C-alpha atoms as a PDB file:
ATOM      1  CA  GLY A   1     -61.038  62.378 203.445  1.00  0.00           C
ATOM      2  CA  VAL A   2     -60.774  64.869 206.294  1.00  0.00           C
ATOM      3  CA  GLY A   3     -59.064  68.202 205.688  1.00  0.00           C
ATOM      4  CA  ALA A   4     -57.533  70.342 204.439  1.00  0.00           C
ATOM      5  CA  ILE A   5     -54.847  69.889 207.070  1.00  0.00           C
ATOM      6  CA  TYR A   6     -52.711  72.519 205.307  1.00  0.00           C
ATOM      7  CA  PRO A   7     -53.593  75.068 202.613  1.00  0.00           C
ATOM      8  CA  THR A   8     -53.748  73.449 199.196  1.00  0.00           C
ATOM      9  CA  THR A   9     -53.769  74.711 195.619  1.00  0.00           C
ATOM     10  CA  THR A  10     -55.958  71.856 194.348  1.00  0.00           C
ATOM     11  CA  LYS A  11     -59.209  73.313 195.707  1.00  0.00           C
ATOM     12  CA  VAL A  12     -60.560  76.846 195.277  1.00  0.00           C
ATOM     13  CA  VAL A  13     -62.028  77.048 198.772  1.00  0.00           C
ATOM     14  CA  THR A  14     -60.625  75.066 201.679  1.00  0.00           C
ATOM     15  CA  VAL A  15     -61.473  74.897 205.349  1.00  0.00           C
ATOM     16  CA  ARG A  16     -58.525  74.009 207.538  1.00  0.00           C
ATOM     17  CA  THR A  17     -58.845  71.043 209.878  1.00  0.00           C
ATOM     18  CA  SER A  18     -56.450  70.977 212.817  1.00  0.00           C
ATOM     19  CA  PRO A  19     -54.516  67.802 213.658  1.00  0.00           C
ATOM     20  CA  GLU A  20     -56.372  67.789 217.001  1.00  0.00           C
ATOM     21  CA  THR A  21     -59.767  67.760 215.234  1.00  0.00           C
ATOM     22  CA  LEU A  22     -58.535  65.013 212.901  1.00  0.00           C
ATOM     23  CA  ASP A  23     -57.468  63.001 215.960  1.00  0.00           C
ATOM     24  CA  GLU A  24     -60.926  63.491 217.560  1.00  0.00           C
ATOM     25  CA  ILE A  25     -62.661  62.326 214.348  1.00  0.00           C
ATOM     26  CA  THR A  26     -60.370  59.286 214.117  1.00  0.00           C
ATOM     27  CA  LYS A  27     -61.269  58.273 217.686  1.00  0.00           C
ATOM     28  CA  ALA A  28     -65.002  58.861 217.133  1.00  0.00           C
ATOM     29  CA  VAL A  29     -65.534  56.672 214.055  1.00  0.00           C
ATOM     30  CA  PRO A  30     -64.899  52.935 213.603  1.00  0.00           C
ATOM     31  CA  ILE A  31     -63.473  53.250 210.059  1.00  0.00           C
ATOM     32  CA  PRO A  32     -60.088  54.428 208.727  1.00  0.00           C
ATOM     33  CA  VAL A  33     -59.794  58.203 208.320  1.00  0.00           C
ATOM     34  CA  ASN A  34     -57.802  59.764 205.493  1.00  0.00           C
ATOM     35  CA  ALA A  35     -56.131  63.133 206.074  1.00  0.00           C
ATOM     36  CA  ILE A  36     -56.057  65.295 202.942  1.00  0.00           C
ATOM     37  CA  GLY A  37     -54.959  68.732 201.862  1.00  0.00           C
ATOM     38  CA  GLY A  38     -51.491  70.164 201.486  1.00  0.00           C
ATOM     39  CA  LEU A  39     -49.705  67.219 203.048  1.00  0.00           C
ATOM     40  CA  ASN A  40     -46.246  66.282 201.845  1.00  0.00           C
ATOM     41  CA  LYS A  41     -43.290  64.299 203.119  1.00  0.00           C
ATOM     42  CA  ASP A  42     -41.905  67.363 204.891  1.00  0.00           C
ATOM     43  CA  ASN A  43     -45.013  68.113 206.996  1.00  0.00           C
ATOM     44  CA  ILE A  44     -46.822  64.777 207.403  1.00  0.00           C
ATOM     45  CA  ASP A  45     -45.151  64.059 210.749  1.00  0.00           C
ATOM     46  CA  ILE A  46     -47.632  66.410 212.446  1.00  0.00           C
ATOM     47  CA  LEU A  47     -50.281  63.692 212.067  1.00  0.00           C
ATOM     48  CA  LYS A  48     -50.695  61.005 214.704  1.00  0.00           C
ATOM     49  CA  GLY A  49     -51.035  57.379 213.727  1.00  0.00           C
ATOM     50  CA  ASN A  50     -49.631  55.445 210.809  1.00  0.00           C
ATOM     51  CA  VAL A  51     -49.545  56.620 207.205  1.00  0.00           C
ATOM     52  CA  LEU A  52     -50.905  53.698 205.188  1.00  0.00           C
ATOM     53  CA  ASN A  53     -50.914  55.407 201.785  1.00  0.00           C
ATOM     54  CA  ARG A  54     -49.396  58.589 200.425  1.00  0.00           C
ATOM     55  CA  SER A  55     -50.232  59.671 196.865  1.00  0.00           C
ATOM     56  CA  TYR A  56     -49.168  62.686 194.823  1.00  0.00           C
ATOM     57  CA  TYR A  57     -51.417  64.834 192.595  1.00  0.00           C
ATOM     58  CA  ASN A  58     -50.834  68.052 190.679  1.00  0.00           C
ATOM     59  CA  GLU A  59     -52.966  71.200 190.987  1.00  0.00           C
ATOM     60  CA  LYS A  60     -55.527  69.708 188.545  1.00  0.00           C
ATOM     61  CA  ASP A  61     -55.974  66.573 190.706  1.00  0.00           C
ATOM     62  CA  THR A  62     -54.113  64.490 188.123  1.00  0.00           C
ATOM     63  CA  PRO A  63     -51.910  61.718 189.525  1.00  0.00           C
ATOM     64  CA  MET A  64     -48.214  62.577 189.244  1.00  0.00           C
ATOM     65  CA  LEU A  65     -44.827  61.237 190.291  1.00  0.00           C
ATOM     66  CA  SER A  66     -43.167  62.710 193.362  1.00  0.00           C
ATOM     67  CA  LYS A  67     -39.639  64.093 193.173  1.00  0.00           C
ATOM     68  CA  ASP A  68     -38.570  60.670 194.522  1.00  0.00           C
ATOM     69  CA  GLY A  69     -39.936  58.933 191.412  1.00  0.00           C
ATOM     70  CA  TYR A  70     -43.200  57.349 192.602  1.00  0.00           C
ATOM     71  CA  HIS A  71     -46.895  58.286 192.649  1.00  0.00           C
ATOM     72  CA  LYS A  72     -47.970  56.285 195.685  1.00  0.00           C
ATOM     73  CA  GLU A  73     -46.221  54.974 198.798  1.00  0.00           C
ATOM     74  CA  THR A  74     -47.906  52.278 200.859  1.00  0.00           C
ATOM     75  CA  GLY A  75     -46.973  51.279 204.393  1.00  0.00           C
ATOM     76  CA  LYS A  76     -47.530  48.327 206.685  1.00  0.00           C
ATOM     77  CA  TYR A  77     -46.925  48.487 210.439  1.00  0.00           C
ATOM     78  CA  THR A  78     -46.024  46.106 213.250  1.00  0.00           C
ATOM     79  CA  SER A  79     -48.408  45.399 216.112  1.00  0.00           C
ATOM     80  CA  PHE A  80     -46.394  47.891 218.199  1.00  0.00           C
ATOM     81  CA  GLY A  81     -46.807  50.681 215.628  1.00  0.00           C
ATOM     82  CA  GLU A  82     -43.396  50.711 213.899  1.00  0.00           C
ATOM     83  CA  ILE A  83     -43.046  50.674 210.119  1.00  0.00           C
ATOM     84  CA  ALA A  84     -42.659  47.105 208.807  1.00  0.00           C
ATOM     85  CA  GLU A  85     -42.716  47.726 205.059  1.00  0.00           C
ATOM     86  CA  LYS A  86     -42.868  50.533 202.514  1.00  0.00           C
ATOM     87  CA  ALA A  87     -43.604  49.976 198.823  1.00  0.00           C
ATOM     88  CA  TYR A  88     -43.735  52.330 195.842  1.00  0.00           C
ATOM     89  CA  TRP A  89     -46.203  52.471 192.927  1.00  0.00           C
ATOM     90  CA  GLY A  90     -46.525  54.247 189.604  1.00  0.00           C
ATOM     91  CA  VAL A  91     -49.386  56.425 188.379  1.00  0.00           C
ATOM     92  CA  ASP A  92     -50.984  53.350 186.753  1.00  0.00           C
ATOM     93  CA  GLY A  93     -50.847  51.382 190.036  1.00  0.00           C
ATOM     94  CA  SER A  94     -48.024  49.097 188.946  1.00  0.00           C
ATOM     95  CA  PRO A  95     -44.987  48.414 191.171  1.00  0.00           C
ATOM     96  CA  ILE A  96     -42.226  50.928 190.475  1.00  0.00           C
ATOM     97  CA  MET A  97     -38.588  51.333 191.445  1.00  0.00           C
ATOM     98  CA  CYS A  98     -38.154  54.642 193.311  1.00  0.00           C
ATOM     99  CA  ASN A  99     -35.228  56.968 192.581  1.00  0.00           C
ATOM    100  CA  GLU A 100     -33.193  55.088 195.188  1.00  0.00           C
ATOM    101  CA  ASN A 101     -33.467  51.943 192.967  1.00  0.00           C
ATOM    102  CA  TYR A 102     -35.828  49.724 194.974  1.00  0.00           C
ATOM    103  CA  HIS A 103     -39.555  48.936 195.116  1.00  0.00           C
ATOM    104  CA  ARG A 104     -39.906  47.755 198.720  1.00  0.00           C
ATOM    105  CA  GLU A 105     -38.058  48.360 201.971  1.00  0.00           C
ATOM    106  CA  ILE A 106     -38.565  45.864 204.790  1.00  0.00           C
ATOM    107  CA  TYR A 107     -37.837  46.525 208.479  1.00  0.00           C
ATOM    108  CA  GLU A 108     -37.054  43.880 211.107  1.00  0.00           C
ATOM    109  CA  TYR A 109     -37.095  44.464 214.882  1.00  0.00           C
ATOM    110  CA  ASN A 110     -35.731  42.732 217.968  1.00  0.00           C
ATOM    111  CA  SER A 111     -37.787  41.870 221.056  1.00  0.00           C
ATOM    112  CA  ASP A 112     -37.118  45.386 222.409  1.00  0.00           C
ATOM    113  CA  GLN A 113     -38.775  46.873 219.283  1.00  0.00           C
ATOM    114  CA  LYS A 114     -35.450  48.243 217.998  1.00  0.00           C
ATOM    115  CA  THR A 115     -34.658  48.138 214.276  1.00  0.00           C
ATOM    116  CA  VAL A 116     -32.130  45.373 213.610  1.00  0.00           C
ATOM    117  CA  LYS A 117     -32.289  45.193 209.816  1.00  0.00           C
ATOM    118  CA  ILE A 118     -33.562  47.134 206.809  1.00  0.00           C
ATOM    119  CA  TYR A 119     -33.416  45.561 203.369  1.00  0.00           C
ATOM    120  CA  TYR A 120     -34.457  46.451 199.822  1.00  0.00           C
ATOM    121  CA  LEU A 121     -36.294  44.441 197.166  1.00  0.00           C
ATOM    122  CA  ASP A 122     -37.142  44.962 193.497  1.00  0.00           C
ATOM    123  CA  THR A 123     -40.631  44.677 191.939  1.00  0.00           C
ATOM    124  CA  LYS A 124     -40.324  40.867 191.821  1.00  0.00           C
ATOM    125  CA  GLY A 125     -39.347  40.557 195.502  1.00  0.00           C
ATOM    126  CA  LYS A 126     -35.664  39.871 194.772  1.00  0.00           C
ATOM    127  CA  ALA A 127     -32.798  41.473 196.698  1.00  0.00           C
ATOM    128  CA  VAL A 128     -31.521  44.625 194.976  1.00  0.00           C
ATOM    129  CA  ASN A 129     -28.812  47.149 195.791  1.00  0.00           C
ATOM    130  CA  CYS A 130     -30.119  50.655 196.402  1.00  0.00           C
ATOM    131  CA  SER A 131     -28.486  53.574 194.594  1.00  0.00           C
ATOM    132  CA  SER A 132     -25.973  53.905 197.466  1.00  0.00           C
ATOM    133  CA  GLY A 133     -24.628  50.432 196.643  1.00  0.00           C
ATOM    134  CA  TYR A 134     -26.034  48.242 199.426  1.00  0.00           C
ATOM    135  CA  GLN A 135     -29.036  45.927 199.805  1.00  0.00           C
ATOM    136  CA  SER A 136     -29.347  45.745 203.571  1.00  0.00           C
ATOM    137  CA  ILE A 137     -28.269  47.430 206.787  1.00  0.00           C
ATOM    138  CA  LYS A 138     -27.855  45.551 210.065  1.00  0.00           C
ATOM    139  CA  PHE A 139     -27.933  47.450 213.358  1.00  0.00           C
ATOM    140  CA  GLU A 140     -26.419  46.432 216.699  1.00  0.00           C
ATOM    141  CA  TRP A 141     -27.716  47.990 219.928  1.00  0.00           C
ATOM    142  CA  ASP A 142     -26.489  48.582 223.468  1.00  0.00           C
ATOM    143  CA  GLY A 143     -29.634  49.520 225.362  1.00  0.00           C
ATOM    144  CA  ASN A 144     -31.123  52.488 223.500  1.00  0.00           C
ATOM    145  CA  VAL A 145     -28.007  53.306 221.479  1.00  0.00           C
ATOM    146  CA  VAL A 146     -27.128  51.934 218.036  1.00  0.00           C
ATOM    147  CA  THR A 147     -23.488  50.853 218.361  1.00  0.00           C
ATOM    148  CA  SER A 148     -22.831  49.683 214.810  1.00  0.00           C
ATOM    149  CA  ARG A 149     -24.269  49.731 211.302  1.00  0.00           C
ATOM    150  CA  LYS A 150     -23.175  47.148 208.764  1.00  0.00           C
ATOM    151  CA  TYR A 151     -24.050  47.430 205.076  1.00  0.00           C
ATOM    152  CA  TYR A 152     -24.285  44.434 202.734  1.00  0.00           C
ATOM    153  CA  ALA A 153     -24.652  44.056 198.973  1.00  0.00           C
ATOM    154  CA  ALA A 154     -27.376  41.915 197.368  1.00  0.00           C
ATOM    155  CA  ASN A 155     -24.816  39.104 196.928  1.00  0.00           C
ATOM    156  CA  GLY A 156     -24.221  39.088 200.723  1.00  0.00           C
ATOM    157  CA  SER A 157     -20.781  40.664 200.674  1.00  0.00           C
ATOM    158  CA  SER A 158     -19.910  43.335 203.212  1.00  0.00           C
ATOM    159  CA  VAL A 159     -19.895  46.818 201.668  1.00  0.00           C
ATOM    160  CA  TYR A 160     -19.306  49.119 204.615  1.00  0.00           C
ATOM    161  CA  ALA A 161     -19.349  49.125 208.419  1.00  0.00           C
ATOM    162  CA  GLU A 162     -19.232  51.847 211.037  1.00  0.00           C
ATOM    163  CA  SER A 163     -19.343  52.102 214.817  1.00  0.00           C
ATOM    164  CA  TRP A 164     -20.626  54.775 217.177  1.00  0.00           C
ATOM    165  CA  ASN A 165     -17.889  56.083 219.496  1.00  0.00           C
ATOM    166  CA  GLY A 166     -20.249  58.153 221.646  1.00  0.00           C
ATOM    167  CA  SER A 167     -20.099  61.322 219.578  1.00  0.00           C
ATOM    168  CA  THR A 168     -19.690  60.361 215.918  1.00  0.00           C
ATOM    169  CA  TRP A 169     -19.791  57.418 213.493  1.00  0.00           C
ATOM    170  CA  VAL A 170     -16.373  55.906 212.767  1.00  0.00           C
ATOM    171  CA  ALA A 171     -15.859  53.872 209.584  1.00  0.00           C
ATOM    172  CA  ASP A 172     -14.298  50.432 209.814  1.00  0.00           C
ATOM    173  CA  ARG A 173     -10.964  50.784 207.977  1.00  0.00           C
ATOM    174  CA  SER A 174     -11.176  47.429 206.173  1.00  0.00           C
ATOM    175  CA  THR A 175     -14.549  48.203 204.584  1.00  0.00           C
ATOM    176  CA  VAL A 176     -13.416  51.690 203.568  1.00  0.00           C
ATOM    177  CA  LEU A 177     -10.308  50.243 201.916  1.00  0.00           C
ATOM    178  CA  ARG A 178     -12.358  47.502 200.192  1.00  0.00           C
ATOM    179  CA  THR A 179     -14.855  50.094 198.903  1.00  0.00           C
ATOM    180  CA  LEU A 180     -12.060  52.350 197.624  1.00  0.00           C
ATOM    181  CA  MET A 181     -10.312  49.431 195.877  1.00  0.00           C
ATOM    182  CA  THR A 182     -13.577  48.364 194.224  1.00  0.00           C
ATOM    183  CA  GLU A 183     -14.186  51.897 192.933  1.00  0.00           C
ATOM    184  CA  LEU A 184     -10.556  52.189 191.777  1.00  0.00           C
ATOM    185  CA  ASN A 185     -10.783  48.889 189.876  1.00  0.00           C
ATOM    186  CA  LYS A 186     -13.985  50.070 188.171  1.00  0.00           C
ATOM    187  CA  SER A 187     -12.418  53.338 187.031  1.00  0.00           C
ATOM    188  CA  CYS A 188      -8.890  52.009 186.275  1.00  0.00           C
ATOM    189  CA  PRO A 189      -9.056  48.291 185.440  1.00  0.00           C
ATOM    190  CA  MET A 190      -5.638  46.627 185.603  1.00  0.00           C
ATOM    191  CA  ASP A 191      -4.481  43.964 183.197  1.00  0.00           C
ATOM    192  CA  MET A 192      -2.630  41.467 185.349  1.00  0.00           C
ATOM    193  CA  GLY A 193      -1.634  39.260 182.390  1.00  0.00           C
END
């Protein structure tokens, strides 16, 4: 590993490595380079390139779960550098469901390299609803602007839809009503007999 990119509490003495130096090293060697030291999900964007693995350790270098419920996140990328898949793993290396209730998230793109679908899978590769109640999101584009987002449950039913009006997202009334009725029926079941 190359670093520390940021100060870290896991080592007594650290020498900071700038992102520019890391970039120079990456270009100079023919093997993958791992950035280490003080990196977390809030500051990792400073690095160039694709994050293939992200693991969490405590101050004693013992593997630990992140606040999002996983020890390790792995990523795969498209040939044009966009994220294609993220997966989450436990301390023992086994597949794990993150706090959002899925193991893998898969991204699909159109020919313009715009995200057209994101969907969630469990540890067995089966469709699963995330903790927000949907399994997939479909995006529609007009040039460089997302014009609509449609959310679907694992069974394929529409959960929610919204459109961009140029300044804010506007919910589709029918999906809002359907969502409210579903929640109402869960909390106050009616006996129709």
